[in-house]
């Protein structure tokens, strides 16, 4: 199974101070990649990323993407990329995501404290990018991380998941 992952995604880069051994990280990554986003099989951190994406959607963010990037980078597992249409909307999205992360998961982000045309919130395993349309098109993270796995977000017609 790991050989298939390596062929598909390339080598995983590890820092010297990673808490888990490389083989344990590969086990976690393989489990995350192999799940078919069925609610009973969602890895815990995937639920966090999806809940953050839902919060962005609730504040009317557009074109929301959740990417599994762990095989490509060593510093995080998931990127959430979303488009906002004004700086106050960026602030509202960021504020609601911060509130969710802190109250429900005890996570406090590092990153931007004030809204800009690109706001980044780093929660460790999940990094949130909130862009104005022009900056999102310019930086085009989806293409830069084109080998990342797109996580299918639940649609409004699917039943909600429970954590």
N, C-alpha and C. Protein backbone atom coordinates (compact mmCIF):
# COMPACT_ATOMS: atom_id res chain seq x y z
N UNK A 1 0.82 -1.19 0.00
CA UNK A 1 0.00 0.00 0.00
C UNK A 1 0.86 1.26 0.00
N UNK A 2 1.94 1.28 0.81
CA UNK A 2 2.79 2.46 0.87
C UNK A 2 3.50 2.71 -0.46
N UNK A 3 3.87 1.64 -1.15
CA UNK A 3 4.51 1.82 -2.46
C UNK A 3 3.59 2.54 -3.42
N UNK A 4 2.30 2.19 -3.39
CA UNK A 4 1.32 2.86 -4.25
C UNK A 4 1.21 4.34 -3.90
N UNK A 5 1.19 4.64 -2.59
CA UNK A 5 1.12 6.03 -2.16
C UNK A 5 2.36 6.81 -2.62
N UNK A 6 3.52 6.19 -2.47
CA UNK A 6 4.76 6.86 -2.88
C UNK A 6 4.77 7.11 -4.38
N UNK A 7 4.31 6.13 -5.15
CA UNK A 7 4.26 6.32 -6.60
C UNK A 7 3.30 7.44 -6.97
N UNK A 8 2.17 7.49 -6.27
CA UNK A 8 1.14 8.47 -6.61
C UNK A 8 1.50 9.87 -6.12
N UNK A 9 2.04 9.98 -4.89
CA UNK A 9 2.25 11.29 -4.28
C UNK A 9 3.70 11.67 -4.06
N UNK A 10 4.63 10.78 -4.31
CA UNK A 10 6.03 11.08 -4.10
C UNK A 10 6.41 10.91 -2.64
N UNK A 11 7.64 11.21 -2.32
CA UNK A 11 8.11 11.02 -0.95
C UNK A 11 7.53 12.07 -0.03
N UNK A 12 7.29 11.68 1.19
CA UNK A 12 6.80 12.59 2.21
C UNK A 12 8.01 13.18 2.90
N UNK A 13 8.01 14.48 3.11
CA UNK A 13 9.13 15.16 3.75
C UNK A 13 8.83 15.24 5.24
N UNK A 14 9.83 14.94 6.07
CA UNK A 14 9.66 14.96 7.51
C UNK A 14 10.68 15.89 8.14
N UNK A 15 10.28 16.57 9.20
CA UNK A 15 11.20 17.37 9.99
C UNK A 15 11.89 16.47 11.01
N UNK A 16 13.04 16.88 11.48
CA UNK A 16 13.75 16.09 12.49
C UNK A 16 12.95 15.98 13.77
N UNK A 17 12.19 17.01 14.11
CA UNK A 17 11.48 16.99 15.38
C UNK A 17 10.03 16.54 15.26
N UNK A 18 9.68 15.82 14.19
CA UNK A 18 8.34 15.25 14.10
C UNK A 18 8.10 14.37 15.32
N UNK A 19 6.89 14.44 15.84
CA UNK A 19 6.59 13.67 17.04
C UNK A 19 6.41 12.19 16.74
N UNK A 20 5.93 11.89 15.56
CA UNK A 20 5.70 10.50 15.20
C UNK A 20 6.82 10.02 14.27
N UNK A 21 7.01 8.73 14.27
CA UNK A 21 7.99 8.17 13.35
C UNK A 21 7.44 8.28 11.93
N UNK A 22 8.31 8.28 10.90
CA UNK A 22 7.82 8.34 9.53
C UNK A 22 6.81 7.25 9.20
N UNK A 23 7.01 6.04 9.71
CA UNK A 23 6.06 4.97 9.39
C UNK A 23 4.70 5.23 10.04
N UNK A 24 4.68 5.82 11.23
CA UNK A 24 3.40 6.16 11.87
C UNK A 24 2.70 7.27 11.10
N UNK A 25 3.46 8.26 10.61
CA UNK A 25 2.88 9.32 9.78
C UNK A 25 2.29 8.74 8.51
N UNK A 26 3.01 7.82 7.87
CA UNK A 26 2.50 7.20 6.65
C UNK A 26 1.21 6.43 6.91
N UNK A 27 1.15 5.76 8.07
CA UNK A 27 -0.09 5.07 8.44
C UNK A 27 -1.25 6.04 8.54
N UNK A 28 -1.03 7.20 9.21
CA UNK A 28 -2.07 8.22 9.34
C UNK A 28 -2.48 8.75 7.98
N UNK A 29 -1.49 9.04 7.12
CA UNK A 29 -1.76 9.60 5.81
C UNK A 29 -2.51 8.60 4.94
N UNK A 30 -2.10 7.34 4.99
CA UNK A 30 -2.77 6.31 4.18
C UNK A 30 -4.21 6.16 4.62
N UNK A 31 -4.46 6.22 5.93
CA UNK A 31 -5.83 6.13 6.43
C UNK A 31 -6.66 7.31 5.93
N UNK A 32 -6.09 8.52 5.99
CA UNK A 32 -6.82 9.71 5.53
C UNK A 32 -7.10 9.64 4.04
N UNK A 33 -6.13 9.19 3.27
CA UNK A 33 -6.30 9.13 1.82
C UNK A 33 -7.25 8.03 1.39
N UNK A 34 -7.29 6.94 2.15
CA UNK A 34 -8.09 5.80 1.72
C UNK A 34 -9.55 5.93 2.08
N UNK A 35 -9.88 6.84 3.00
CA UNK A 35 -11.28 6.93 3.39
C UNK A 35 -12.08 7.58 2.28
N UNK A 36 -13.29 7.13 2.12
CA UNK A 36 -14.21 7.62 1.10
C UNK A 36 -15.12 8.64 1.73
N UNK A 37 -14.74 9.58 2.35
CA UNK A 37 -15.49 10.62 3.02
C UNK A 37 -16.90 10.21 3.42
N UNK A 38 -17.00 9.02 4.00
CA UNK A 38 -18.23 8.56 4.61
C UNK A 38 -18.13 8.98 6.07
N UNK A 39 -19.16 9.56 6.60
CA UNK A 39 -19.06 10.22 7.90
C UNK A 39 -18.50 9.33 9.00
N UNK A 40 -18.85 8.07 9.01
CA UNK A 40 -18.35 7.20 10.07
C UNK A 40 -16.86 6.91 9.93
N UNK A 41 -16.27 7.19 8.75
CA UNK A 41 -14.87 6.89 8.52
C UNK A 41 -14.00 8.14 8.45
N UNK A 42 -14.56 9.32 8.68
CA UNK A 42 -13.80 10.56 8.55
C UNK A 42 -12.76 10.64 9.66
N UNK A 43 -11.47 10.80 9.31
CA UNK A 43 -10.46 10.99 10.35
C UNK A 43 -10.77 12.26 11.13
N UNK A 44 -10.42 12.30 12.40
CA UNK A 44 -10.80 13.42 13.27
C UNK A 44 -10.37 14.76 12.70
N UNK A 45 -9.15 14.87 12.21
CA UNK A 45 -8.70 16.17 11.72
C UNK A 45 -9.44 16.56 10.44
N UNK A 46 -9.89 15.59 9.66
CA UNK A 46 -10.71 15.91 8.50
C UNK A 46 -12.00 16.56 8.93
N UNK A 47 -12.56 16.10 10.04
CA UNK A 47 -13.80 16.68 10.55
C UNK A 47 -13.55 18.14 10.92
N UNK A 48 -12.42 18.43 11.55
CA UNK A 48 -12.07 19.81 11.91
C UNK A 48 -12.00 20.66 10.64
N UNK A 49 -11.30 20.18 9.62
CA UNK A 49 -11.16 20.93 8.38
C UNK A 49 -12.51 21.15 7.72
N UNK A 50 -13.34 20.13 7.68
CA UNK A 50 -14.66 20.25 7.06
C UNK A 50 -15.54 21.21 7.85
N UNK A 51 -15.47 21.15 9.18
CA UNK A 51 -16.26 22.08 9.99
C UNK A 51 -15.80 23.53 9.76
N UNK A 52 -14.50 23.73 9.62
CA UNK A 52 -14.00 25.08 9.33
C UNK A 52 -14.49 25.55 7.96
N UNK A 53 -14.49 24.65 6.99
CA UNK A 53 -14.99 25.00 5.66
C UNK A 53 -16.47 25.34 5.72
N UNK A 54 -17.23 24.62 6.53
CA UNK A 54 -18.66 24.91 6.68
C UNK A 54 -18.87 26.29 7.28
N UNK A 55 -18.06 26.66 8.25
CA UNK A 55 -18.15 27.99 8.85
C UNK A 55 -17.90 29.05 7.78
N UNK A 56 -16.89 28.83 6.94
CA UNK A 56 -16.63 29.78 5.84
C UNK A 56 -17.85 29.87 4.92
N UNK A 57 -18.46 28.75 4.65
CA UNK A 57 -19.67 28.73 3.81
C UNK A 57 -20.82 29.48 4.47
N UNK A 58 -20.96 29.33 5.78
CA UNK A 58 -22.02 30.03 6.51
C UNK A 58 -21.87 31.55 6.43
N UNK A 59 -20.62 32.02 6.27
CA UNK A 59 -20.36 33.45 6.16
C UNK A 59 -20.27 33.85 4.67
N UNK A 60 -20.78 33.00 3.82
CA UNK A 60 -20.92 33.26 2.38
C UNK A 60 -19.60 33.34 1.62
N UNK A 61 -18.58 32.60 2.08
CA UNK A 61 -17.36 32.48 1.29
C UNK A 61 -17.71 31.68 0.03
N UNK A 62 -16.94 31.89 -1.02
CA UNK A 62 -17.20 31.20 -2.29
C UNK A 62 -16.04 30.29 -2.64
N UNK A 63 -16.31 29.32 -3.51
CA UNK A 63 -15.30 28.43 -4.07
C UNK A 63 -14.39 27.85 -2.99
N UNK A 64 -15.00 27.24 -2.00
CA UNK A 64 -14.27 26.69 -0.85
C UNK A 64 -13.69 25.33 -1.23
N UNK A 65 -12.41 25.16 -0.97
CA UNK A 65 -11.73 23.90 -1.25
C UNK A 65 -11.00 23.43 0.01
N UNK A 66 -11.06 22.14 0.26
CA UNK A 66 -10.26 21.52 1.32
C UNK A 66 -9.32 20.55 0.62
N UNK A 67 -8.02 20.76 0.79
CA UNK A 67 -7.00 19.94 0.15
C UNK A 67 -6.20 19.18 1.20
N UNK A 68 -6.02 17.88 0.97
CA UNK A 68 -5.13 17.07 1.80
C UNK A 68 -3.73 17.23 1.21
N UNK A 69 -2.85 17.96 1.91
CA UNK A 69 -1.54 18.30 1.37
C UNK A 69 -0.38 17.62 2.09
N UNK A 70 -0.68 16.78 3.08
CA UNK A 70 0.39 16.16 3.88
C UNK A 70 1.44 15.43 3.04
N UNK A 71 1.07 14.72 1.98
CA UNK A 71 2.12 14.07 1.19
C UNK A 71 3.04 15.07 0.47
N UNK A 72 2.62 16.33 0.39
CA UNK A 72 3.39 17.33 -0.37
C UNK A 72 4.20 18.26 0.51
N UNK A 73 3.75 18.49 1.73
CA UNK A 73 4.43 19.41 2.65
C UNK A 73 4.56 18.75 4.02
N UNK A 74 5.49 19.23 4.81
CA UNK A 74 5.71 18.61 6.11
C UNK A 74 5.03 19.38 7.25
N UNK A 75 4.56 20.58 7.02
CA UNK A 75 4.11 21.44 8.11
C UNK A 75 2.61 21.38 8.38
N UNK A 76 1.83 20.73 7.56
CA UNK A 76 0.39 20.67 7.79
C UNK A 76 -0.21 19.48 7.06
N UNK A 77 -1.45 19.18 7.34
CA UNK A 77 -2.17 18.11 6.66
C UNK A 77 -3.18 18.65 5.65
N UNK A 78 -3.88 19.73 6.02
CA UNK A 78 -4.96 20.23 5.18
C UNK A 78 -4.83 21.72 4.94
N UNK A 79 -5.18 22.14 3.72
CA UNK A 79 -5.38 23.54 3.37
C UNK A 79 -6.87 23.73 3.17
N UNK A 80 -7.39 24.82 3.69
CA UNK A 80 -8.72 25.29 3.30
C UNK A 80 -8.48 26.57 2.53
N UNK A 81 -9.04 26.64 1.33
CA UNK A 81 -8.88 27.82 0.48
C UNK A 81 -10.28 28.34 0.20
N UNK A 82 -10.50 29.63 0.46
CA UNK A 82 -11.83 30.21 0.26
C UNK A 82 -11.70 31.62 -0.29
N UNK A 83 -12.73 32.06 -0.99
CA UNK A 83 -12.78 33.41 -1.54
C UNK A 83 -13.81 34.23 -0.77
N UNK A 84 -13.39 35.43 -0.38
CA UNK A 84 -14.30 36.42 0.22
C UNK A 84 -14.32 37.62 -0.73
N UNK A 85 -15.31 38.47 -0.58
CA UNK A 85 -15.49 39.56 -1.54
C UNK A 85 -15.24 40.94 -0.96
N UNK A 86 -14.82 40.98 0.31
CA UNK A 86 -14.46 42.26 0.94
C UNK A 86 -13.59 41.95 2.15
N UNK A 87 -12.89 42.99 2.61
CA UNK A 87 -12.07 42.79 3.81
C UNK A 87 -12.93 42.54 5.05
N UNK A 88 -14.08 43.21 5.20
CA UNK A 88 -14.94 42.85 6.35
C UNK A 88 -15.41 41.39 6.30
N UNK A 89 -15.67 40.87 5.11
CA UNK A 89 -16.07 39.47 5.00
C UNK A 89 -14.89 38.55 5.38
N UNK A 90 -13.69 38.90 4.96
CA UNK A 90 -12.51 38.13 5.36
C UNK A 90 -12.41 38.10 6.88
N UNK A 91 -12.61 39.26 7.51
CA UNK A 91 -12.55 39.36 8.96
C UNK A 91 -13.63 38.49 9.61
N UNK A 92 -14.84 38.51 9.06
CA UNK A 92 -15.94 37.73 9.62
C UNK A 92 -15.66 36.23 9.50
N UNK A 93 -15.18 35.80 8.34
CA UNK A 93 -14.86 34.38 8.14
C UNK A 93 -13.75 33.96 9.11
N UNK A 94 -12.69 34.73 9.16
CA UNK A 94 -11.57 34.41 10.05
C UNK A 94 -11.99 34.38 11.51
N UNK A 95 -12.79 35.33 11.91
CA UNK A 95 -13.25 35.40 13.29
C UNK A 95 -14.11 34.19 13.66
N UNK A 96 -15.01 33.81 12.79
CA UNK A 96 -15.89 32.65 13.06
C UNK A 96 -15.07 31.35 13.10
N UNK A 97 -14.08 31.22 12.19
CA UNK A 97 -13.24 30.02 12.20
C UNK A 97 -12.40 29.97 13.47
N UNK A 98 -11.83 31.11 13.87
CA UNK A 98 -11.06 31.18 15.12
C UNK A 98 -11.93 30.76 16.31
N UNK A 99 -13.16 31.29 16.37
CA UNK A 99 -14.06 30.96 17.47
C UNK A 99 -14.34 29.46 17.53
N UNK A 100 -14.65 28.85 16.38
CA UNK A 100 -14.91 27.41 16.33
C UNK A 100 -13.69 26.64 16.82
N UNK A 101 -12.53 26.98 16.28
CA UNK A 101 -11.31 26.24 16.61
C UNK A 101 -10.96 26.35 18.09
N UNK A 102 -11.13 27.53 18.65
CA UNK A 102 -10.78 27.73 20.05
C UNK A 102 -11.80 27.08 20.98
N UNK A 103 -13.07 27.31 20.74
CA UNK A 103 -14.11 26.82 21.65
C UNK A 103 -14.29 25.31 21.57
N UNK A 104 -14.27 24.76 20.36
CA UNK A 104 -14.57 23.33 20.21
C UNK A 104 -13.33 22.45 20.27
N UNK A 105 -12.18 22.96 19.78
CA UNK A 105 -10.99 22.12 19.67
C UNK A 105 -9.79 22.62 20.46
N UNK A 106 -9.92 23.78 21.11
CA UNK A 106 -8.81 24.31 21.89
C UNK A 106 -7.61 24.72 21.05
N UNK A 107 -7.84 25.07 19.79
CA UNK A 107 -6.74 25.46 18.90
C UNK A 107 -6.75 26.98 18.70
N UNK A 108 -5.57 27.58 18.83
CA UNK A 108 -5.41 29.01 18.60
C UNK A 108 -4.48 29.16 17.41
N UNK A 109 -4.88 29.96 16.40
CA UNK A 109 -4.06 30.05 15.19
C UNK A 109 -2.88 31.00 15.34
N UNK A 110 -1.86 30.71 14.56
CA UNK A 110 -0.83 31.71 14.32
C UNK A 110 -1.16 32.25 12.94
N UNK A 111 -0.64 33.39 12.60
CA UNK A 111 -0.94 33.96 11.28
C UNK A 111 -1.49 35.35 11.42
N UNK A 112 -2.17 35.80 10.40
CA UNK A 112 -2.66 37.17 10.34
C UNK A 112 -3.66 37.47 11.44
N UNK A 113 -3.53 38.65 12.03
CA UNK A 113 -4.47 39.09 13.05
C UNK A 113 -5.49 40.07 12.47
N UNK A 114 -5.18 40.67 11.34
CA UNK A 114 -6.12 41.62 10.73
C UNK A 114 -6.37 41.22 9.28
N UNK A 115 -7.54 41.55 8.77
CA UNK A 115 -7.85 41.14 7.40
C UNK A 115 -7.02 41.90 6.37
N UNK A 116 -6.51 41.17 5.41
CA UNK A 116 -5.81 41.73 4.27
C UNK A 116 -6.47 41.14 3.03
N UNK A 117 -5.83 41.29 1.89
CA UNK A 117 -6.38 40.67 0.68
C UNK A 117 -6.12 39.16 0.66
N UNK A 118 -5.23 38.70 1.55
CA UNK A 118 -4.98 37.27 1.74
C UNK A 118 -4.72 37.07 3.23
N UNK A 119 -5.61 36.42 3.90
CA UNK A 119 -5.45 36.16 5.32
C UNK A 119 -5.16 34.67 5.51
N UNK A 120 -4.18 34.38 6.34
CA UNK A 120 -3.78 33.00 6.60
C UNK A 120 -3.92 32.72 8.09
N UNK A 121 -4.58 31.62 8.41
CA UNK A 121 -4.72 31.18 9.79
C UNK A 121 -4.12 29.78 9.88
N UNK A 122 -3.08 29.64 10.68
CA UNK A 122 -2.37 28.36 10.81
C UNK A 122 -2.75 27.70 12.12
N UNK A 123 -3.50 26.59 12.03
CA UNK A 123 -3.93 25.84 13.21
C UNK A 123 -3.08 24.58 13.40
N UNK A 124 -1.95 24.49 12.74
CA UNK A 124 -1.11 23.30 12.83
C UNK A 124 -1.47 22.31 11.75
N UNK A 125 -2.43 21.44 12.01
CA UNK A 125 -2.84 20.44 11.03
C UNK A 125 -3.73 20.99 9.93
N UNK A 126 -4.30 22.17 10.16
CA UNK A 126 -5.15 22.82 9.16
C UNK A 126 -4.67 24.25 8.98
N UNK A 127 -4.44 24.64 7.72
CA UNK A 127 -4.08 26.02 7.40
C UNK A 127 -5.17 26.59 6.52
N UNK A 128 -5.74 27.72 6.97
CA UNK A 128 -6.85 28.35 6.27
C UNK A 128 -6.32 29.56 5.49
N UNK A 129 -6.65 29.61 4.19
CA UNK A 129 -6.30 30.74 3.32
C UNK A 129 -7.61 31.39 2.90
N UNK A 130 -7.78 32.69 3.21
CA UNK A 130 -8.96 33.42 2.78
C UNK A 130 -8.48 34.55 1.88
N UNK A 131 -8.93 34.52 0.63
CA UNK A 131 -8.47 35.45 -0.39
C UNK A 131 -9.59 36.37 -0.89
N UNK A 132 -9.20 37.55 -1.34
CA UNK A 132 -10.06 38.31 -2.24
C UNK A 132 -9.87 37.70 -3.63
N UNK A 133 -10.84 37.81 -4.53
CA UNK A 133 -10.77 37.10 -5.82
C UNK A 133 -9.49 37.34 -6.62
N UNK A 134 -9.04 38.57 -6.69
CA UNK A 134 -7.84 38.88 -7.50
C UNK A 134 -6.60 38.19 -6.95
N UNK A 135 -6.44 38.17 -5.63
CA UNK A 135 -5.27 37.52 -5.02
C UNK A 135 -5.36 36.00 -5.15
N UNK A 136 -6.56 35.47 -5.03
CA UNK A 136 -6.70 34.02 -5.19
C UNK A 136 -6.30 33.59 -6.59
N UNK A 137 -6.74 34.34 -7.59
CA UNK A 137 -6.37 34.03 -8.97
C UNK A 137 -4.87 34.18 -9.19
N UNK A 138 -4.28 35.21 -8.59
CA UNK A 138 -2.85 35.47 -8.77
C UNK A 138 -2.00 34.36 -8.14
N UNK A 139 -2.27 34.00 -6.89
CA UNK A 139 -1.46 33.00 -6.20
C UNK A 139 -1.81 31.57 -6.59
N UNK A 140 -3.04 31.31 -6.95
CA UNK A 140 -3.49 30.04 -7.52
C UNK A 140 -2.93 28.82 -6.78
N UNK A 141 -3.20 28.76 -5.49
CA UNK A 141 -2.68 27.66 -4.67
C UNK A 141 -3.16 26.29 -5.14
N UNK A 142 -4.38 26.23 -5.66
CA UNK A 142 -4.89 24.94 -6.13
C UNK A 142 -4.01 24.37 -7.23
N UNK A 143 -3.52 25.21 -8.12
CA UNK A 143 -2.65 24.72 -9.18
C UNK A 143 -1.25 24.42 -8.64
N UNK A 144 -0.76 25.29 -7.74
CA UNK A 144 0.57 25.08 -7.18
C UNK A 144 0.63 23.75 -6.42
N UNK A 145 -0.45 23.43 -5.70
CA UNK A 145 -0.55 22.16 -5.00
C UNK A 145 -1.49 21.22 -5.76
N UNK A 146 -1.30 21.16 -7.05
CA UNK A 146 -2.16 20.39 -7.94
C UNK A 146 -2.19 18.90 -7.65
N UNK A 147 -1.16 18.36 -7.00
CA UNK A 147 -1.15 16.94 -6.66
C UNK A 147 -1.81 16.64 -5.33
N UNK A 148 -2.32 17.67 -4.65
CA UNK A 148 -3.02 17.45 -3.39
C UNK A 148 -4.36 16.76 -3.67
N UNK A 149 -4.85 16.05 -2.67
CA UNK A 149 -6.13 15.36 -2.79
C UNK A 149 -7.24 16.30 -2.36
N UNK A 150 -8.20 16.53 -3.24
CA UNK A 150 -9.35 17.36 -2.93
C UNK A 150 -10.31 16.56 -2.05
N UNK A 151 -10.66 17.11 -0.90
CA UNK A 151 -11.60 16.47 0.00
C UNK A 151 -13.00 16.92 -0.40
N UNK A 152 -13.85 15.96 -0.66
CA UNK A 152 -15.22 16.27 -1.05
C UNK A 152 -15.97 16.79 0.16
N UNK A 153 -16.54 17.98 0.03
CA UNK A 153 -17.31 18.56 1.12
C UNK A 153 -18.74 18.07 1.07
N UNK A 154 -19.34 17.88 2.24
CA UNK A 154 -20.74 17.45 2.26
C UNK A 154 -21.62 18.52 1.62
N UNK A 155 -22.59 18.10 0.86
CA UNK A 155 -23.51 19.07 0.25
C UNK A 155 -24.65 19.33 1.21
N UNK A 156 -25.43 20.34 0.90
CA UNK A 156 -26.57 20.68 1.75
C UNK A 156 -27.60 19.55 1.82
N UNK A 157 -27.61 18.65 0.83
CA UNK A 157 -28.62 17.59 0.80
C UNK A 157 -28.19 16.37 1.60
N UNK A 158 -26.88 16.29 1.96
CA UNK A 158 -26.41 15.15 2.73
C UNK A 158 -26.71 15.37 4.21
N UNK A 159 -26.91 14.29 4.97
CA UNK A 159 -27.16 14.45 6.39
C UNK A 159 -25.92 15.00 7.08
N UNK A 160 -26.09 15.78 8.14
CA UNK A 160 -24.92 16.32 8.86
C UNK A 160 -24.16 15.21 9.55
N UNK A 161 -22.86 15.42 9.75
CA UNK A 161 -22.07 14.43 10.44
C UNK A 161 -21.99 14.82 11.91
N UNK A 162 -21.69 13.85 12.71
CA UNK A 162 -21.61 14.08 14.16
C UNK A 162 -20.22 13.74 14.63
N UNK A 163 -19.69 14.58 15.52
CA UNK A 163 -18.35 14.34 16.06
C UNK A 163 -18.43 13.82 17.46
